[in-house]
C-alpha atoms as a PDB file:
ATOM      1  CA  MET A   1       0.000   0.000   0.000  1.00  0.00           C
ATOM      2  CA  ILE A   2       2.856   2.383   0.823  1.00  0.00           C
ATOM      3  CA  LEU A   3       4.312   1.994  -2.667  1.00  0.00           C
ATOM      4  CA  ARG A   4       0.912   2.733  -4.224  1.00  0.00           C
ATOM      5  CA  LEU A   5       0.514   5.835  -2.073  1.00  0.00           C
ATOM      6  CA  LEU A   6       3.997   7.030  -2.984  1.00  0.00           C
ATOM      7  CA  ALA A   7       3.276   6.507  -6.692  1.00  0.00           C
ATOM      8  CA  LEU A   8      -0.062   8.305  -6.423  1.00  0.00           C
ATOM      9  CA  THR A   9       1.525  11.164  -4.466  1.00  0.00           C
ATOM     10  CA  PHE A  10       4.198  11.546  -7.135  1.00  0.00           C
ATOM     11  CA  SER A  11       1.498  11.534  -9.816  1.00  0.00           C
ATOM     12  CA  LEU A  12      -0.481  14.163  -7.880  1.00  0.00           C
ATOM     13  CA  ILE A  13       2.542  16.459  -7.579  1.00  0.00           C
ATOM     14  CA  LEU A  14       3.487  15.953 -11.235  1.00  0.00           C
ATOM     15  CA  GLY A  15      -0.047  16.627 -12.494  1.00  0.00           C
ATOM     16  CA  LEU A  16      -0.619  19.733 -10.396  1.00  0.00           C
ATOM     17  CA  SER A  17       2.854  21.082 -11.237  1.00  0.00           C
ATOM     18  CA  GLY A  18       2.181  20.631 -14.946  1.00  0.00           C
ATOM     19  CA  ALA A  19      -1.232  22.281 -14.692  1.00  0.00           C
ATOM     20  CA  PHE A  20       0.221  25.182 -12.707  1.00  0.00           C
ATOM     21  CA  SER A  21       3.066  25.689 -15.191  1.00  0.00           C
ATOM     22  CA  CYS A  22       0.710  25.660 -18.170  1.00  0.00           C
ATOM     23  CA  GLY A  23      -1.601  28.104 -16.423  1.00  0.00           C
ATOM     24  CA  ILE A  24       1.269  30.501 -15.735  1.00  0.00           C
ATOM     25  CA  LEU A  25       2.468  30.368 -19.357  1.00  0.00           C
ATOM     26  CA  LEU A  26      -1.101  30.803 -20.616  1.00  0.00           C
ATOM     27  CA  PHE A  27      -1.885  33.967 -18.661  1.00  0.00           C
ATOM     28  CA  VAL A  28       1.539  35.545 -18.136  1.00  0.00           C
ATOM     29  CA  ASP A  29       3.687  36.882 -20.962  1.00  0.00           C
ATOM     30  CA  SER A  30       7.229  35.496 -20.829  1.00  0.00           C
ATOM     31  CA  PRO A  31       9.908  37.119 -23.023  1.00  0.00           C
ATOM     32  CA  GLY A  32      11.326  34.643 -25.523  1.00  0.00           C
ATOM     33  CA  ILE A  33       8.620  32.032 -24.853  1.00  0.00           C
ATOM     34  CA  ASP A  34       5.638  31.871 -27.215  1.00  0.00           C
ATOM     35  CA  PRO A  35       3.914  28.473 -26.865  1.00  0.00           C
ATOM     36  CA  ASP A  36       0.714  27.558 -28.673  1.00  0.00           C
ATOM     37  CA  PRO A  37      -2.267  28.438 -26.401  1.00  0.00           C
ATOM     38  CA  VAL A  38      -4.108  25.300 -27.522  1.00  0.00           C
ATOM     39  CA  TRP A  39      -1.338  23.064 -26.218  1.00  0.00           C
ATOM     40  CA  LEU A  40      -1.212  25.049 -23.003  1.00  0.00           C
ATOM     41  CA  VAL A  41      -4.954  24.574 -22.442  1.00  0.00           C
ATOM     42  CA  LEU A  42      -4.610  20.859 -23.168  1.00  0.00           C
ATOM     43  CA  GLY A  43      -1.665  20.639 -20.782  1.00  0.00           C
ATOM     44  CA  LEU A  44      -3.616  22.505 -18.117  1.00  0.00           C
ATOM     45  CA  LEU A  45      -6.585  20.164 -18.463  1.00  0.00           C
ATOM     46  CA  ALA A  46      -4.394  17.060 -18.570  1.00  0.00           C
ATOM     47  CA  GLY A  47      -2.416  18.119 -15.499  1.00  0.00           C
ATOM     48  CA  ALA A  48      -5.576  18.966 -13.583  1.00  0.00           C
ATOM     49  CA  GLY A  49      -7.085  15.627 -14.596  1.00  0.00           C
ATOM     50  CA  ILE A  50      -4.029  13.656 -13.516  1.00  0.00           C
ATOM     51  CA  GLY A  51      -3.791  15.569 -10.243  1.00  0.00           C
ATOM     52  CA  GLY A  52      -7.494  15.269  -9.501  1.00  0.00           C
ATOM     53  CA  GLY A  53      -7.568  11.583 -10.385  1.00  0.00           C
ATOM     54  CA  SER A  54      -4.528  10.908  -8.204  1.00  0.00           C
ATOM     55  CA  LEU A  55      -6.081  12.765  -5.271  1.00  0.00           C
ATOM     56  CA  TRP A  56      -9.310  10.786  -5.643  1.00  0.00           C
ATOM     57  CA  ALA A  57      -7.343   7.525  -5.749  1.00  0.00           C
ATOM     58  CA  ILE A  58      -5.364   8.489  -2.631  1.00  0.00           C
ATOM     59  CA  LEU A  59      -8.559   9.290  -0.718  1.00  0.00           C
ATOM     60  CA  ARG A  60     -10.177   6.031  -1.890  1.00  0.00           C
ATOM     61  CA  GLU A  61      -7.103   4.013  -0.903  1.00  0.00           C
ATOM     62  CA  ASN A  62      -6.981   5.643   2.501  1.00  0.00           C
ATOM     63  CA  ARG A  63     -10.718   5.115   3.039  1.00  0.00           C
ATOM     64  CA  ARG A  64     -10.423   1.416   2.172  1.00  0.00           C
ATOM     65  CA  TRP A  65      -7.505   1.036   4.560  1.00  0.00           C
ATOM     66  CA  VAL A  66      -9.405   2.769   7.374  1.00  0.00           C
ATOM     67  CA  LEU A  67     -12.429   0.479   6.910  1.00  0.00           C
ATOM     68  CA  ASP A  68     -10.228  -2.627   6.908  1.00  0.00           C
ATOM     69  CA  PHE A  69      -8.413  -1.392   9.997  1.00  0.00           C
ATOM     70  CA  ARG A  70     -11.700  -0.715  11.808  1.00  0.00           C
ATOM     71  CA  ASP A  71     -12.973  -4.202  11.005  1.00  0.00           C
ATOM     72  CA  SER A  72      -9.733  -5.781  12.236  1.00  0.00           C
ATOM     73  CA  PHE A  73     -10.656  -4.885  15.835  1.00  0.00           C
ATOM     74  CA  ASP A  74     -13.530  -7.397  15.614  1.00  0.00           C
ATOM     75  CA  LEU A  75     -11.841  -9.925  13.321  1.00  0.00           C
ATOM     76  CA  ASP A  76      -8.745 -10.233  15.514  1.00  0.00           C
ATOM     77  CA  PRO A  77      -9.867  -9.593  19.121  1.00  0.00           C
ATOM     78  CA  GLY A  78      -6.790 -11.385  20.452  1.00  0.00           C
ATOM     79  CA  ALA A  79      -4.652  -8.385  19.465  1.00  0.00           C
ATOM     80  CA  ASN A  80      -6.664  -6.004  21.645  1.00  0.00           C
ATOM     81  CA  LEU A  81      -4.874  -4.793  24.768  1.00  0.00           C
ATOM     82  CA  ALA A  82      -7.908  -3.294  26.511  1.00  0.00           C
ATOM     83  CA  CYS A  83     -11.577  -2.760  25.774  1.00  0.00           C
ATOM     84  CA  TRP A  84     -14.227  -0.868  27.730  1.00  0.00           C
ATOM     85  CA  ARG A  85     -17.603   0.776  27.240  1.00  0.00           C
ATOM     86  CA  ILE A  86     -18.257   4.308  28.436  1.00  0.00           C
ATOM     87  CA  PRO A  87     -21.662   4.776  30.137  1.00  0.00           C
ATOM     88  CA  ALA A  88     -23.921   7.213  28.309  1.00  0.00           C
ATOM     89  CA  ALA A  89     -24.183   9.629  31.268  1.00  0.00           C
ATOM     90  CA  MET A  90     -20.393   9.674  31.692  1.00  0.00           C
ATOM     91  CA  TRP A  91     -19.878  10.270  27.969  1.00  0.00           C
ATOM     92  CA  LYS A  92     -22.325  13.178  27.988  1.00  0.00           C
ATOM     93  CA  ASP A  93     -20.565  14.749  30.991  1.00  0.00           C
ATOM     94  CA  PHE A  94     -17.148  14.243  29.387  1.00  0.00           C
ATOM     95  CA  THR A  95     -18.079  15.710  25.984  1.00  0.00           C
ATOM     96  CA  GLU A  96     -19.534  18.776  27.713  1.00  0.00           C
ATOM     97  CA  SER A  97     -16.330  19.326  29.696  1.00  0.00           C
ATOM     98  CA  GLU A  98     -14.320  18.912  26.481  1.00  0.00           C
ATOM     99  CA  ARG A  99     -16.514  21.535  24.837  1.00  0.00           C
ATOM    100  CA  LEU A 100     -15.670  24.043  27.573  1.00  0.00           C
ATOM    101  CA  ARG A 101     -11.983  23.190  27.355  1.00  0.00           C
ATOM    102  CA  ALA A 102     -12.036  23.670  23.568  1.00  0.00           C
ATOM    103  CA  GLU A 103     -13.678  27.098  23.964  1.00  0.00           C
ATOM    104  CA  GLU A 104     -10.848  28.255  26.242  1.00  0.00           C
ATOM    105  CA  GLU A 105      -8.223  27.036  23.771  1.00  0.00           C
ATOM    106  CA  ARG A 106      -9.983  28.689  20.819  1.00  0.00           C
ATOM    107  CA  SER A 107     -10.099  32.031  22.590  1.00  0.00           C
ATOM    108  CA  TRP A 108      -6.391  31.927  23.410  1.00  0.00           C
ATOM    109  CA  VAL A 109      -5.240  30.811  19.948  1.00  0.00           C
ATOM    110  CA  SER A 110      -7.422  33.295  18.056  1.00  0.00           C
ATOM    111  CA  SER A 111      -6.365  36.160  20.340  1.00  0.00           C
ATOM    112  CA  MET A 112      -2.642  35.442  19.956  1.00  0.00           C
ATOM    113  CA  LEU A 113      -2.913  35.056  16.170  1.00  0.00           C
ATOM    114  CA  GLY A 114      -4.962  38.245  15.818  1.00  0.00           C
ATOM    115  CA  LEU A 115      -2.449  40.152  17.923  1.00  0.00           C
ATOM    116  CA  LEU A 116       0.465  38.851  15.856  1.00  0.00           C
ATOM    117  CA  ILE A 117      -1.133  39.624  12.463  1.00  0.00           C
ATOM    118  CA  GLY A 118      -2.296  43.053  13.628  1.00  0.00           C
ATOM    119  CA  ALA A 119       1.202  43.927  14.843  1.00  0.00           C
ATOM    120  CA  ILE A 120       2.791  42.782  11.557  1.00  0.00           C
ATOM    121  CA  VAL A 121       0.349  44.772   9.418  1.00  0.00           C
ATOM    122  CA  ALA A 122       0.809  47.905  11.551  1.00  0.00           C
ATOM    123  CA  PHE A 123       4.598  47.578  11.440  1.00  0.00           C
ATOM    124  CA  VAL A 124       4.700  47.083   7.651  1.00  0.00           C
ATOM    125  CA  GLY A 125       2.353  50.022   6.969  1.00  0.00           C
ATOM    126  CA  TRP A 126       3.809  52.431   9.526  1.00  0.00           C
ATOM    127  CA  GLN A 127       5.988  54.322   7.044  1.00  0.00           C
ATOM    128  CA  ALA A 128       3.657  54.077   4.046  1.00  0.00           C
ATOM    129  CA  TRP A 129       0.357  55.028   5.733  1.00  0.00           C
ATOM    130  CA  GLY A 130       1.374  56.927   8.845  1.00  0.00           C
ATOM    131  CA  ALA A 131       0.951  55.926  12.474  1.00  0.00           C
ATOM    132  CA  THR A 132      -2.812  56.442  12.841  1.00  0.00           C
ATOM    133  CA  THR A 133      -3.822  54.662   9.625  1.00  0.00           C
ATOM    134  CA  ALA A 134      -1.350  51.829  10.218  1.00  0.00           C
ATOM    135  CA  LEU A 135      -2.713  51.234  13.719  1.00  0.00           C
ATOM    136  CA  LEU A 136      -6.316  51.259  12.506  1.00  0.00           C
ATOM    137  CA  VAL A 137      -5.583  48.886   9.605  1.00  0.00           C
ATOM    138  CA  GLY A 138      -3.543  46.640  11.901  1.00  0.00           C
ATOM    139  CA  LEU A 139      -6.394  46.575  14.426  1.00  0.00           C
ATOM    140  CA  ALA A 140      -8.910  45.700  11.702  1.00  0.00           C
ATOM    141  CA  ALA A 141      -6.649  42.973  10.284  1.00  0.00           C
ATOM    142  CA  GLY A 142      -6.055  41.528  13.751  1.00  0.00           C
ATOM    143  CA  LEU A 143      -9.754  41.453  14.625  1.00  0.00           C
ATOM    144  CA  ALA A 144     -10.675  39.925  11.263  1.00  0.00           C
ATOM    145  CA  SER A 145      -7.986  37.236  11.572  1.00  0.00           C
ATOM    146  CA  ALA A 146      -8.908  36.392  15.158  1.00  0.00           C
ATOM    147  CA  GLY A 147     -12.590  36.202  14.265  1.00  0.00           C
ATOM    148  CA  ALA A 148     -11.976  33.990  11.239  1.00  0.00           C
ATOM    149  CA  VAL A 149      -9.785  31.561  13.204  1.00  0.00           C
ATOM    150  CA  PHE A 150     -12.265  31.459  16.102  1.00  0.00           C
ATOM    151  CA  LEU A 151     -15.207  30.722  13.794  1.00  0.00           C
ATOM    152  CA  LEU A 152     -13.292  28.052  11.864  1.00  0.00           C
ATOM    153  CA  GLU A 153     -12.135  26.304  15.039  1.00  0.00           C
ATOM    154  CA  TRP A 154     -15.616  26.626  16.542  1.00  0.00           C
ATOM    155  CA  ARG A 155     -17.213  25.057  13.482  1.00  0.00           C
ATOM    156  CA  ASN A 156     -14.783  22.126  13.415  1.00  0.00           C
ATOM    157  CA  SER A 157     -15.015  21.553  17.170  1.00  0.00           C
ATOM    158  CA  GLU A 158     -18.800  21.776  17.294  1.00  0.00           C
ATOM    159  CA  HIS A 159     -19.141  19.377  14.366  1.00  0.00           C
ATOM    160  CA  LEU A 160     -16.841  16.841  16.041  1.00  0.00           C
ATOM    161  CA  LEU A 161     -18.499  17.117  19.440  1.00  0.00           C
ATOM    162  CA  ARG A 162     -22.008  16.797  17.959  1.00  0.00           C
ATOM    163  CA  HIS A 163     -20.829  13.726  16.078  1.00  0.00           C
ATOM    164  CA  GLU A 164     -19.306  12.184  19.223  1.00  0.00           C
ATOM    165  CA  ALA A 165     -22.372  13.010  21.327  1.00  0.00           C
ATOM    166  CA  LYS A 166     -24.488  10.763  19.073  1.00  0.00           C
ATOM    167  CA  TRP A 167     -22.513   7.700  20.105  1.00  0.00           C
ATOM    168  CA  CYS A 168     -24.362   7.549  23.470  1.00  0.00           C
ATOM    169  CA  GLY A 169     -21.531   5.836  25.292  1.00  0.00           C
ATOM    170  CA  PRO A 170     -19.098   4.329  22.780  1.00  0.00           C
ATOM    171  CA  GLU A 171     -16.950   1.262  23.155  1.00  0.00           C
ATOM    172  CA  VAL A 172     -13.221   1.971  23.195  1.00  0.00           C
ATOM    173  CA  THR A 173     -10.578  -0.555  22.162  1.00  0.00           C
ATOM    174  CA  LEU A 174      -6.798  -0.238  22.456  1.00  0.00           C
ATOM    175  CA  ARG A 175      -4.350  -2.148  20.274  1.00  0.00           C
ATOM    176  CA  PRO A 176      -0.595  -1.921  19.686  1.00  0.00           C
ATOM    177  CA  ASP A 177      -1.235  -0.257  16.317  1.00  0.00           C
ATOM    178  CA  GLY A 178      -4.186   2.018  17.088  1.00  0.00           C
ATOM    179  CA  MET A 179      -7.391   2.754  18.940  1.00  0.00           C
ATOM    180  CA  ARG A 180     -11.078   2.572  18.085  1.00  0.00           C
ATOM    181  CA  ILE A 181     -13.590   4.965  19.668  1.00  0.00           C
ATOM    182  CA  GLY A 182     -17.093   4.014  18.630  1.00  0.00           C
ATOM    183  CA  ALA A 183     -17.014   4.017  14.829  1.00  0.00           C
ATOM    184  CA  THR A 184     -13.876   6.176  14.610  1.00  0.00           C
ATOM    185  CA  VAL A 185     -10.389   4.694  14.378  1.00  0.00           C
ATOM    186  CA  VAL A 186      -7.141   6.368  15.439  1.00  0.00           C
ATOM    187  CA  PRO A 187      -4.244   4.480  13.800  1.00  0.00           C
ATOM    188  CA  TRP A 188      -0.598   5.116  14.581  1.00  0.00           C
ATOM    189  CA  SER A 189       0.903   2.459  12.322  1.00  0.00           C
ATOM    190  CA  HIS A 190      -0.492   3.984   9.138  1.00  0.00           C
ATOM    191  CA  TYR A 191       1.760   5.658   6.555  1.00  0.00           C
ATOM    192  CA  GLY A 192       3.042   8.892   8.104  1.00  0.00           C
ATOM    193  CA  ALA A 193       1.467   8.276  11.543  1.00  0.00           C
ATOM    194  CA  HIS A 194       3.407   7.765  14.763  1.00  0.00           C
ATOM    195  CA  LEU A 195       2.363   7.379  18.400  1.00  0.00           C
ATOM    196  CA  GLU A 196       4.000  10.389  20.038  1.00  0.00           C
ATOM    197  CA  SER A 197       2.703   9.866  23.574  1.00  0.00           C
ATOM    198  CA  ILE A 198       0.034   8.066  25.566  1.00  0.00           C
ATOM    199  CA  ALA A 199      -0.922   8.612  29.189  1.00  0.00           C
ATOM    200  CA  LEU A 200      -3.723   7.933  31.640  1.00  0.00           C
ATOM    201  CA  ARG A 201      -4.464  11.087  33.624  1.00  0.00           C
ATOM    202  CA  ASP A 202      -6.567  11.835  36.667  1.00  0.00           C
ATOM    203  CA  GLU A 203      -8.492  15.058  36.168  1.00  0.00           C
ATOM    204  CA  ASP A 204      -7.862  17.867  38.655  1.00  0.00           C
ATOM    205  CA  GLU A 205     -11.534  18.714  39.135  1.00  0.00           C
ATOM    206  CA  GLY A 206     -12.281  16.212  41.895  1.00  0.00           C
ATOM    207  CA  ASN A 207     -14.023  13.815  39.537  1.00  0.00           C
ATOM    208  CA  ASN A 208     -13.665  10.299  40.922  1.00  0.00           C
ATOM    209  CA  ASP A 209     -15.833   8.592  38.312  1.00  0.00           C
ATOM    210  CA  TYR A 210     -13.242   8.335  35.559  1.00  0.00           C
ATOM    211  CA  ALA A 211      -9.682   8.966  34.488  1.00  0.00           C
ATOM    212  CA  VAL A 212      -8.832  10.346  31.029  1.00  0.00           C
ATOM    213  CA  LEU A 213      -6.825   8.509  28.407  1.00  0.00           C
ATOM    214  CA  GLU A 214      -4.851  11.031  26.350  1.00  0.00           C
ATOM    215  CA  VAL A 215      -3.261   9.896  23.097  1.00  0.00           C
ATOM    216  CA  ALA A 216      -1.108  12.142  20.895  1.00  0.00           C
ATOM    217  CA  VAL A 217      -0.571  10.939  17.315  1.00  0.00           C
ATOM    218  CA  GLU A 218       1.974  12.652  15.099  1.00  0.00           C
ATOM    219  CA  ILE A 219       1.099  12.866  11.402  1.00  0.00           C
ATOM    220  CA  GLN A 220       4.023  13.518   9.081  1.00  0.00           C
ATOM    221  CA  ALA A 221       3.207  14.965   5.659  1.00  0.00           C
ATOM    222  CA  GLN A 222       4.540  18.222   4.250  1.00  0.00           C
ATOM    223  CA  ASN A 223       4.293  19.542   7.800  1.00  0.00           C
ATOM    224  CA  THR A 224       4.259  17.581  11.041  1.00  0.00           C
ATOM    225  CA  VAL A 225       0.943  17.861  12.887  1.00  0.00           C
ATOM    226  CA  THR A 226       0.038  16.313  16.234  1.00  0.00           C
ATOM    227  CA  HIS A 227      -3.563  15.301  16.948  1.00  0.00           C
ATOM    228  CA  THR A 228      -4.548  14.677  20.564  1.00  0.00           C
ATOM    229  CA  HIS A 229      -7.431  12.340  21.383  1.00  0.00           C
ATOM    230  CA  ARG A 230      -9.009  12.112  24.840  1.00  0.00           C
ATOM    231  CA  VAL A 231     -11.492   9.548  26.130  1.00  0.00           C
ATOM    232  CA  PRO A 232     -12.752   8.784  29.659  1.00  0.00           C
ATOM    233  CA  VAL A 233     -11.885   5.525  31.408  1.00  0.00           C
ATOM    234  CA  PRO A 234     -14.316   4.373  34.125  1.00  0.00           C
ATOM    235  CA  ARG A 235     -12.634   3.609  37.431  1.00  0.00           C
ATOM    236  CA  GLU A 236     -13.465  -0.100  37.243  1.00  0.00           C
ATOM    237  CA  HIS A 237     -11.396  -0.350  34.021  1.00  0.00           C
ATOM    238  CA  ARG A 238      -8.523   1.847  35.160  1.00  0.00           C
ATOM    239  CA  GLU A 239      -6.102  -0.923  36.160  1.00  0.00           C
ATOM    240  CA  LYS A 240      -6.525  -2.840  32.911  1.00  0.00           C
ATOM    241  CA  VAL A 241      -6.152   0.311  30.783  1.00  0.00           C
ATOM    242  CA  ALA A 242      -3.159   1.481  32.839  1.00  0.00           C
ATOM    243  CA  SER A 243      -1.385  -1.800  32.054  1.00  0.00           C
ATOM    244  CA  ALA A 244      -2.067  -1.349  28.313  1.00  0.00           C
ATOM    245  CA  VAL A 245      -0.919   2.277  28.430  1.00  0.00           C
ATOM    246  CA  SER A 246       2.314   1.261  30.170  1.00  0.00           C
ATOM    247  CA  HIS A 247       2.952  -1.303  27.437  1.00  0.00           C
ATOM    248  CA  LEU A 248       2.332   1.215  24.641  1.00  0.00           C
ATOM    249  CA  ALA A 249       4.242   4.046  26.325  1.00  0.00           C
ATOM    250  CA  SER A 250       7.373   1.892  26.534  1.00  0.00           C
ATOM    251  CA  GLY A 251       7.530   1.883  22.738  1.00  0.00           C
ATOM    252  CA  THR A 252       7.085   5.640  22.167  1.00  0.00           C
ATOM    253  CA  GLY A 253       9.736   8.315  21.777  1.00  0.00           C
END
């Protein structure tokens, strides 16, 4: 599968690069270069077709792999390290607390980004526009950026939390190569994925009903991104999950 993904990725890059190059030559005059516009249009369409087809194939390949991986939790239960079901009332309480935590993080991230962009815009325009105009434009740019980031993060977070809330107490399964939460799988043996850290934490809010399993998965593509997944662990399952976490944590780093 890795070889197919590499070939498709190369085809995607090649197709989009060709389409981009033809588009530049079609709309931008280059001294000494006078290609036939018909061939440029054909090249643009061909490159876009190759790139689009490659992207579709990559998404289809990844989707097929995810479905097979999800089914493997039931087909090979002997590989599971721990499995537990979260009561519906506990899941509802947990998703609500995660919603509040996400709101705090969104506010901080959007504020810092808005402040940074506003300062950059004001600094760049200080000489060209004057102090007053630069400050006003910087303030407007900062507020617009902060608002856009906040709304985007809010939309993504709300969509995810609404989706998770429908599970009504999902079953969670841990394996050496990934985790399944309800119908969602979190692999860390997939191409470009790596288990960065895993820990079982006791919340600091005096809640004695459950601990929280926190899993950080690093995804390496053009940029390295870390996704953190959190799920509650009822107290009666804590010892079994702690043993699985200790086993998985020994192989990270």
